[in-house]
Structure formats: C-alpha cells, structure tokens
PDB file of N, CA and C in Angstrom:
ATOM      1  N   MET A   1      -3.543  20.867  47.431  1.00  0.00           N
ATOM      2  CA  MET A   1      -3.844  21.578  46.372  1.00  0.00           C
ATOM      3  C   MET A   1      -5.292  22.197  46.346  1.00  0.00           C
ATOM      4  N   ARG A   2      -5.301  23.040  45.519  1.00  0.00           N
ATOM      5  CA  ARG A   2      -6.772  24.072  46.304  1.00  0.00           C
ATOM      6  C   ARG A   2      -7.480  23.628  44.751  1.00  0.00           C
ATOM      7  N   GLY A   3      -8.827  23.347  45.095  1.00  0.00           N
ATOM      8  CA  GLY A   3     -10.050  23.206  44.400  1.00  0.00           C
ATOM      9  C   GLY A   3     -10.919  23.833  44.377  1.00  0.00           C
ATOM     10  N   GLN A   4     -12.264  23.857  43.804  1.00  0.00           N
ATOM     11  CA  GLN A   4     -13.113  24.769  43.524  1.00  0.00           C
ATOM     12  C   GLN A   4     -13.683  24.941  44.842  1.00  0.00           C
ATOM     13  N   MET A   5     -14.283  26.053  45.298  1.00  0.00           N
ATOM     14  CA  MET A   5     -15.113  26.083  47.064  1.00  0.00           C
ATOM     15  C   MET A   5     -16.218  25.078  46.812  1.00  0.00           C
ATOM     16  N   GLN A   6     -16.781  24.559  47.841  1.00  0.00           N
ATOM     17  CA  GLN A   6     -18.012  23.745  48.125  1.00  0.00           C
ATOM     18  C   GLN A   6     -19.437  25.125  47.904  1.00  0.00           C
ATOM     19  N   SER A   7     -20.205  25.022  47.447  1.00  0.00           N
ATOM     20  CA  SER A   7     -21.278  25.956  47.366  1.00  0.00           C
ATOM     21  C   SER A   7     -22.231  25.861  48.854  1.00  0.00           C
ATOM     22  N   LYS A   8     -23.055  26.780  49.015  1.00  0.00           N
ATOM     23  CA  LYS A   8     -23.653  26.780  49.670  1.00  0.00           C
ATOM     24  C   LYS A   8     -24.594  25.864  50.442  1.00  0.00           C
ATOM     25  N   LYS A   9     -25.178  25.389  49.142  1.00  0.00           N
ATOM     26  CA  LYS A   9     -25.906  24.262  49.060  1.00  0.00           C
ATOM     27  C   LYS A   9     -25.381  22.716  49.248  1.00  0.00           C
ATOM     28  N   ASP A  10     -24.521  22.893  48.724  1.00  0.00           N
ATOM     29  CA  ASP A  10     -23.595  21.595  49.188  1.00  0.00           C
ATOM     30  C   ASP A  10     -23.020  21.542  50.359  1.00  0.00           C
ATOM     31  N   THR A  11     -23.017  22.636  51.056  1.00  0.00           N
ATOM     32  CA  THR A  11     -22.215  22.855  52.402  1.00  0.00           C
ATOM     33  C   THR A  11     -23.710  22.393  53.534  1.00  0.00           C
ATOM     34  N   HIS A  12     -24.743  22.790  52.972  1.00  0.00           N
ATOM     35  CA  HIS A  12     -25.909  22.753  53.639  1.00  0.00           C
ATOM     36  C   HIS A  12     -26.164  21.049  53.843  1.00  0.00           C
ATOM     37  N   LYS A  13     -26.272  20.394  52.679  1.00  0.00           N
ATOM     38  CA  LYS A  13     -26.414  18.889  52.295  1.00  0.00           C
ATOM     39  C   LYS A  13     -25.378  18.358  53.004  1.00  0.00           C
ATOM     40  N   GLU A  14     -24.304  18.767  53.079  1.00  0.00           N
ATOM     41  CA  GLU A  14     -22.968  17.667  54.164  1.00  0.00           C
ATOM     42  C   GLU A  14     -23.437  17.868  55.802  1.00  0.00           C
ATOM     43  N   VAL A  15     -23.960  19.226  55.882  1.00  0.00           N
ATOM     44  CA  VAL A  15     -24.135  19.449  57.285  1.00  0.00           C
ATOM     45  C   VAL A  15     -25.475  18.622  57.600  1.00  0.00           C
ATOM     46  N   LEU A  16     -26.311  18.666  57.086  1.00  0.00           N
ATOM     47  CA  LEU A  16     -27.614  17.755  57.471  1.00  0.00           C
ATOM     48  C   LEU A  16     -27.282  16.237  57.023  1.00  0.00           C
ATOM     49  N   LEU A  17     -26.363  15.798  56.457  1.00  0.00           N
ATOM     50  CA  LEU A  17     -26.425  14.242  56.328  1.00  0.00           C
ATOM     51  C   LEU A  17     -25.698  13.894  57.534  1.00  0.00           C
ATOM     52  N   ASN A  18     -24.329  14.758  57.799  1.00  0.00           N
ATOM     53  CA  ASN A  18     -23.769  14.469  58.860  1.00  0.00           C
ATOM     54  C   ASN A  18     -24.887  14.638  60.177  1.00  0.00           C
ATOM     55  N   ASN A  19     -25.659  15.483  60.486  1.00  0.00           N
ATOM     56  CA  ASN A  19     -26.414  15.550  61.737  1.00  0.00           C
ATOM     57  C   ASN A  19     -27.421  14.220  61.853  1.00  0.00           C
ATOM     58  N   VAL A  20     -27.981  14.186  60.872  1.00  0.00           N
ATOM     59  CA  VAL A  20     -28.759  13.011  60.621  1.00  0.00           C
ATOM     60  C   VAL A  20     -28.294  11.495  60.726  1.00  0.00           C
ATOM     61  N   LEU A  21     -26.945  11.260  60.427  1.00  0.00           N
ATOM     62  CA  LEU A  21     -26.533   9.937  60.359  1.00  0.00           C
ATOM     63  C   LEU A  21     -26.319  10.083  61.761  1.00  0.00           C
ATOM     64  N   GLY A  22     -25.541  11.086  62.225  1.00  0.00           N
ATOM     65  CA  GLY A  22     -25.373  11.185  63.704  1.00  0.00           C
ATOM     66  C   GLY A  22     -26.323  10.948  64.872  1.00  0.00           C
ATOM     67  N   VAL A  23     -27.668  11.287  64.513  1.00  0.00           N
ATOM     68  CA  VAL A  23     -28.705  11.126  65.205  1.00  0.00           C
ATOM     69  C   VAL A  23     -28.976   9.791  65.184  1.00  0.00           C
ATOM     70  N   LEU A  24     -28.922   9.195  64.354  1.00  0.00           N
ATOM     71  CA  LEU A  24     -29.176   7.578  63.742  1.00  0.00           C
ATOM     72  C   LEU A  24     -28.125   6.775  64.145  1.00  0.00           C
ATOM     73  N   ILE A  25     -26.848   6.820  64.257  1.00  0.00           N
ATOM     74  CA  ILE A  25     -25.885   5.700  64.509  1.00  0.00           C
ATOM     75  C   ILE A  25     -25.747   6.257  66.181  1.00  0.00           C
ATOM     76  N   GLY A  26     -25.983   7.610  66.861  1.00  0.00           N
ATOM     77  CA  GLY A  26     -25.973   7.376  68.143  1.00  0.00           C
ATOM     78  C   GLY A  26     -26.909   6.483  69.171  1.00  0.00           C
ATOM     79  N   LEU A  27     -28.016   6.698  68.106  1.00  0.00           N
ATOM     80  CA  LEU A  27     -29.321   5.705  68.750  1.00  0.00           C
ATOM     81  C   LEU A  27     -29.256   4.792  68.630  1.00  0.00           C
ATOM     82  N   ILE A  28     -28.434   4.176  67.546  1.00  0.00           N
ATOM     83  CA  ILE A  28     -28.162   2.272  67.216  1.00  0.00           C
ATOM     84  C   ILE A  28     -27.387   2.254  67.981  1.00  0.00           C
ATOM     85  N   THR A  29     -26.163   3.236  68.656  1.00  0.00           N
ATOM     86  CA  THR A  29     -25.226   2.571  69.420  1.00  0.00           C
ATOM     87  C   THR A  29     -25.456   2.460  70.585  1.00  0.00           C
ATOM     88  N   MET A  30     -26.440   3.614  71.333  1.00  0.00           N
ATOM     89  CA  MET A  30     -26.727   3.187  72.949  1.00  0.00           C
ATOM     90  C   MET A  30     -27.634   2.381  73.113  1.00  0.00           C
ATOM     91  N   ARG A  31     -28.330   1.983  71.936  1.00  0.00           N
ATOM     92  CA  ARG A  31     -29.445   0.684  72.260  1.00  0.00           C
ATOM     93  C   ARG A  31     -28.493  -0.499  72.448  1.00  0.00           C
ATOM     94  N   ILE A  32     -27.302  -0.696  71.385  1.00  0.00           N
ATOM     95  CA  ILE A  32     -26.325  -1.740  71.379  1.00  0.00           C
ATOM     96  C   ILE A  32     -25.385  -1.692  72.804  1.00  0.00           C
ATOM     97  N   MET A  33     -25.185  -0.468  73.097  1.00  0.00           N
ATOM     98  CA  MET A  33     -23.778  -0.663  73.952  1.00  0.00           C
ATOM     99  C   MET A  33     -24.454  -0.109  75.464  1.00  0.00           C
ATOM    100  N   LEU A  34     -25.327  -0.003  75.872  1.00  0.00           N
ATOM    101  CA  LEU A  34     -26.247   0.195  77.026  1.00  0.00           C
ATOM    102  C   LEU A  34     -26.387  -1.125  77.833  1.00  0.00           C
ATOM    103  N   PRO A  35     -26.683  -2.164  76.880  1.00  0.00           N
ATOM    104  CA  PRO A  35     -26.731  -3.453  77.967  1.00  0.00           C
ATOM    105  C   PRO A  35     -25.526  -3.763  78.124  1.00  0.00           C
ATOM    106  N   LEU A  36     -24.648  -3.752  77.639  1.00  0.00           N
ATOM    107  CA  LEU A  36     -23.413  -4.246  77.594  1.00  0.00           C
ATOM    108  C   LEU A  36     -22.625  -3.759  78.650  1.00  0.00           C
ATOM    109  N   ILE A  37     -22.674  -2.276  79.044  1.00  0.00           N
ATOM    110  CA  ILE A  37     -22.101  -1.539  80.361  1.00  0.00           C
ATOM    111  C   ILE A  37     -23.419  -1.392  81.371  1.00  0.00           C
ATOM    112  N   GLU A  38     -23.902  -2.051  81.328  1.00  0.00           N
ATOM    113  CA  GLU A  38     -25.283  -2.147  82.637  1.00  0.00           C
ATOM    114  C   GLU A  38     -24.523  -2.347  83.797  1.00  0.00           C
ATOM    115  N   GLY A  39     -23.502  -3.260  84.251  1.00  0.00           N
ATOM    116  CA  GLY A  39     -23.220  -3.406  85.944  1.00  0.00           C
ATOM    117  C   GLY A  39     -21.771  -2.592  86.164  1.00  0.00           C
ATOM    118  N   LEU A  40     -21.461  -1.396  85.102  1.00  0.00           N
ATOM    119  CA  LEU A  40     -20.391  -1.132  85.481  1.00  0.00           C
ATOM    120  C   LEU A  40     -20.830   0.896  86.224  1.00  0.00           C
ATOM    121  N   SER A  41     -19.755   0.855  87.187  1.00  0.00           N
ATOM    122  CA  SER A  41     -19.680   2.331  87.807  1.00  0.00           C
ATOM    123  C   SER A  41     -20.513   3.398  86.820  1.00  0.00           C
ATOM    124  N   PHE A  42     -21.066   4.266  87.151  1.00  0.00           N
ATOM    125  CA  PHE A  42     -21.657   5.314  86.637  1.00  0.00           C
ATOM    126  C   PHE A  42     -20.039   6.277  85.698  1.00  0.00           C
ATOM    127  N   GLU A  43     -19.543   6.342  86.650  1.00  0.00           N
ATOM    128  CA  GLU A  43     -18.102   7.022  86.107  1.00  0.00           C
ATOM    129  C   GLU A  43     -17.716   6.422  84.852  1.00  0.00           C
ATOM    130  N   THR A  44     -17.347   4.876  84.858  1.00  0.00           N
ATOM    131  CA  THR A  44     -16.555   4.077  83.883  1.00  0.00           C
ATOM    132  C   THR A  44     -17.921   4.525  82.871  1.00  0.00           C
ATOM    133  N   ARG A  45     -19.144   3.829  82.845  1.00  0.00           N
ATOM    134  CA  ARG A  45     -20.148   4.200  81.734  1.00  0.00           C
ATOM    135  C   ARG A  45     -20.062   5.529  80.997  1.00  0.00           C
ATOM    136  N   SER A  46     -19.806   6.312  81.762  1.00  0.00           N
ATOM    137  CA  SER A  46     -19.962   8.102  80.909  1.00  0.00           C
ATOM    138  C   SER A  46     -18.590   8.124  80.263  1.00  0.00           C
ATOM    139  N   ILE A  47     -17.383   7.394  80.871  1.00  0.00           N
ATOM    140  CA  ILE A  47     -16.198   7.592  80.002  1.00  0.00           C
ATOM    141  C   ILE A  47     -16.148   6.532  78.821  1.00  0.00           C
ATOM    142  N   ILE A  48     -16.495   5.185  78.673  1.00  0.00           N
ATOM    143  CA  ILE A  48     -16.888   4.904  78.079  1.00  0.00           C
ATOM    144  C   ILE A  48     -17.739   5.235  76.634  1.00  0.00           C
ATOM    145  N   ILE A  49     -18.638   5.667  77.114  1.00  0.00           N
ATOM    146  CA  ILE A  49     -20.112   6.326  76.101  1.00  0.00           C
ATOM    147  C   ILE A  49     -19.252   7.630  75.573  1.00  0.00           C
ATOM    148  N   VAL A  50     -18.819   8.755  76.302  1.00  0.00           N
ATOM    149  CA  VAL A  50     -18.232   9.598  75.654  1.00  0.00           C
ATOM    150  C   VAL A  50     -16.878   9.311  74.623  1.00  0.00           C
ATOM    151  N   THR A  51     -16.423   8.382  74.858  1.00  0.00           N
ATOM    152  CA  THR A  51     -14.837   7.774  74.164  1.00  0.00           C
ATOM    153  C   THR A  51     -15.440   6.933  73.109  1.00  0.00           C
ATOM    154  N   VAL A  52     -16.481   6.336  72.814  1.00  0.00           N
ATOM    155  CA  VAL A  52     -17.293   5.681  71.999  1.00  0.00           C
ATOM    156  C   VAL A  52     -17.855   6.750  70.790  1.00  0.00           C
ATOM    157  N   MET A  53     -18.530   7.512  71.793  1.00  0.00           N
ATOM    158  CA  MET A  53     -19.272   8.489  70.731  1.00  0.00           C
ATOM    159  C   MET A  53     -18.492   9.701  70.346  1.00  0.00           C
ATOM    160  N   PHE A  54     -17.065   9.980  70.500  1.00  0.00           N
ATOM    161  CA  PHE A  54     -16.624  10.928  70.151  1.00  0.00           C
ATOM    162  C   PHE A  54     -15.757  10.007  69.292  1.00  0.00           C
ATOM    163  N   CYS A  55     -15.168   8.931  68.963  1.00  0.00           N
ATOM    164  CA  CYS A  55     -14.734   7.949  67.858  1.00  0.00           C
ATOM    165  C   CYS A  55     -15.579   7.758  66.802  1.00  0.00           C
ATOM    166  N   LEU A  56     -17.032   7.655  66.911  1.00  0.00           N
ATOM    167  CA  LEU A  56     -17.712   7.569  65.651  1.00  0.00           C
ATOM    168  C   LEU A  56     -18.379   9.199  65.282  1.00  0.00           C
ATOM    169  N   SER A  57     -17.996   9.860  66.242  1.00  0.00           N
ATOM    170  CA  SER A  57     -18.397  11.555  65.580  1.00  0.00           C
ATOM    171  C   SER A  57     -17.155  12.105  65.047  1.00  0.00           C
ATOM    172  N   TYR A  58     -16.091  11.492  65.202  1.00  0.00           N
ATOM    173  CA  TYR A  58     -14.871  11.745  64.200  1.00  0.00           C
ATOM    174  C   TYR A  58     -14.690  11.258  63.014  1.00  0.00           C
ATOM    175  N   THR A  59     -14.874  10.086  63.031  1.00  0.00           N
ATOM    176  CA  THR A  59     -14.849   9.024  61.843  1.00  0.00           C
ATOM    177  C   THR A  59     -15.850   9.439  60.605  1.00  0.00           C
ATOM    178  N   ARG A  60     -17.014   9.438  61.159  1.00  0.00           N
ATOM    179  CA  ARG A  60     -18.367   9.995  60.527  1.00  0.00           C
ATOM    180  C   ARG A  60     -18.046  11.488  59.529  1.00  0.00           C
ATOM    181  N   GLY A  61     -17.474  12.139  60.608  1.00  0.00           N
ATOM    182  CA  GLY A  61     -17.449  13.679  59.920  1.00  0.00           C
ATOM    183  C   GLY A  61     -16.367  13.474  59.092  1.00  0.00           C
ATOM    184  N   TYR A  62     -15.247  13.081  59.360  1.00  0.00           N
ATOM    185  CA  TYR A  62     -14.129  12.656  58.540  1.00  0.00           C
ATOM    186  C   TYR A  62     -14.239  12.469  57.161  1.00  0.00           C
ATOM    187  N   ALA A  63     -15.606  10.967  57.408  1.00  0.00           N
ATOM    188  CA  ALA A  63     -15.792  10.007  56.160  1.00  0.00           C
ATOM    189  C   ALA A  63     -16.561  11.036  55.207  1.00  0.00           C
ATOM    190  N   ILE A  64     -17.629  11.738  55.769  1.00  0.00           N
ATOM    191  CA  ILE A  64     -18.663  12.466  55.273  1.00  0.00           C
ATOM    192  C   ILE A  64     -17.831  13.386  54.401  1.00  0.00           C
ATOM    193  N   ARG A  65     -16.759  14.044  54.964  1.00  0.00           N
ATOM    194  CA  ARG A  65     -15.687  15.395  54.348  1.00  0.00           C
ATOM    195  C   ARG A  65     -15.340  14.786  53.441  1.00  0.00           C
ATOM    196  N   ARG A  66     -14.643  13.724  53.422  1.00  0.00           N
ATOM    197  CA  ARG A  66     -13.808  13.317  52.412  1.00  0.00           C
ATOM    198  C   ARG A  66     -14.679  12.841  51.387  1.00  0.00           C
ATOM    199  N   PHE A  67     -16.075  12.391  51.324  1.00  0.00           N
ATOM    200  CA  PHE A  67     -17.143  11.981  49.930  1.00  0.00           C
ATOM    201  C   PHE A  67     -17.199  13.337  49.597  1.00  0.00           C
ATOM    202  N   PHE A  68     -17.362  14.093  50.185  1.00  0.00           N
ATOM    203  CA  PHE A  68     -18.006  15.759  49.457  1.00  0.00           C
ATOM    204  C   PHE A  68     -16.759  16.550  48.972  1.00  0.00           C
ATOM    205  N   ASN A  69     -15.670  16.073  49.479  1.00  0.00           N
ATOM    206  CA  ASN A  69     -14.570  16.726  48.865  1.00  0.00           C
ATOM    207  C   ASN A  69     -14.239  15.679  47.582  1.00  0.00           C
ATOM    208  N   LYS A  70     -14.184  14.335  47.372  1.00  0.00           N
ATOM    209  CA  LYS A  70     -14.028  13.591  46.401  1.00  0.00           C
ATOM    210  C   LYS A  70     -15.215  13.795  45.314  1.00  0.00           C
ATOM    211  N   ARG A  71     -16.336  14.216  45.720  1.00  0.00           N
ATOM    212  CA  ARG A  71     -17.535  14.328  44.495  1.00  0.00           C
ATOM    213  C   ARG A  71     -17.535  15.699  44.206  1.00  0.00           C
ATOM    214  N   LEU A  72     -16.643  16.885  44.847  1.00  0.00           N
ATOM    215  CA  LEU A  72     -16.352  17.796  44.279  1.00  0.00           C
ATOM    216  C   LEU A  72     -15.313  18.189  43.375  1.00  0.00           C
ATOM    217  N   MET A  73     -14.356  17.413  43.642  1.00  0.00           N
ATOM    218  CA  MET A  73     -12.979  17.474  43.007  1.00  0.00           C
ATOM    219  C   MET A  73     -13.668  16.360  41.343  1.00  0.00           C
ATOM    220  N   SER A  74     -14.408  15.705  41.349  1.00  0.00           N
ATOM    221  CA  SER A  74     -15.137  14.987  40.060  1.00  0.00           C
ATOM    222  C   SER A  74     -15.663  15.698  38.904  1.00  0.00           C
TER     223      SER A  74
END
C-alpha cells in the first residue's frame, strides 16, 4: 500500500536521529564490549565488533524507519 511521501524536513529528522543514536549506541556498545573481548586475537575481535555493530545498525535503522513510517501514516 502506498501512502504519502515523507517531507524533506522529516527525512532530515529521521537521518539525524539515526546518526545521533548510532554514535551514542556505538560508544556505549564499545565501552561494554571491549573489556569482554580483551583476550581474543585481533582477527576474532574484529569479526565480533563488525558483526555486533552491523546487527545493531540494521536493527536501529529498521526501527527508526518503521517509527517514521507509522507516524507518517497516522
């Protein structure tokens, strides 16, 4: 089902929120995660960090997109 298009202003709000939350979540996640993976090899730490950050980024982006779409349809 096609609804109305998001305004440029709302698009900027969405992108800004996504980026600000991404930085904050990333900083908090790294602060928690780094001590937990301290003894692992560089390669293993890299794989874990990239995987966790990808999952968080995907989930955050999806949740924010759904939030703005739901708000638009209301």
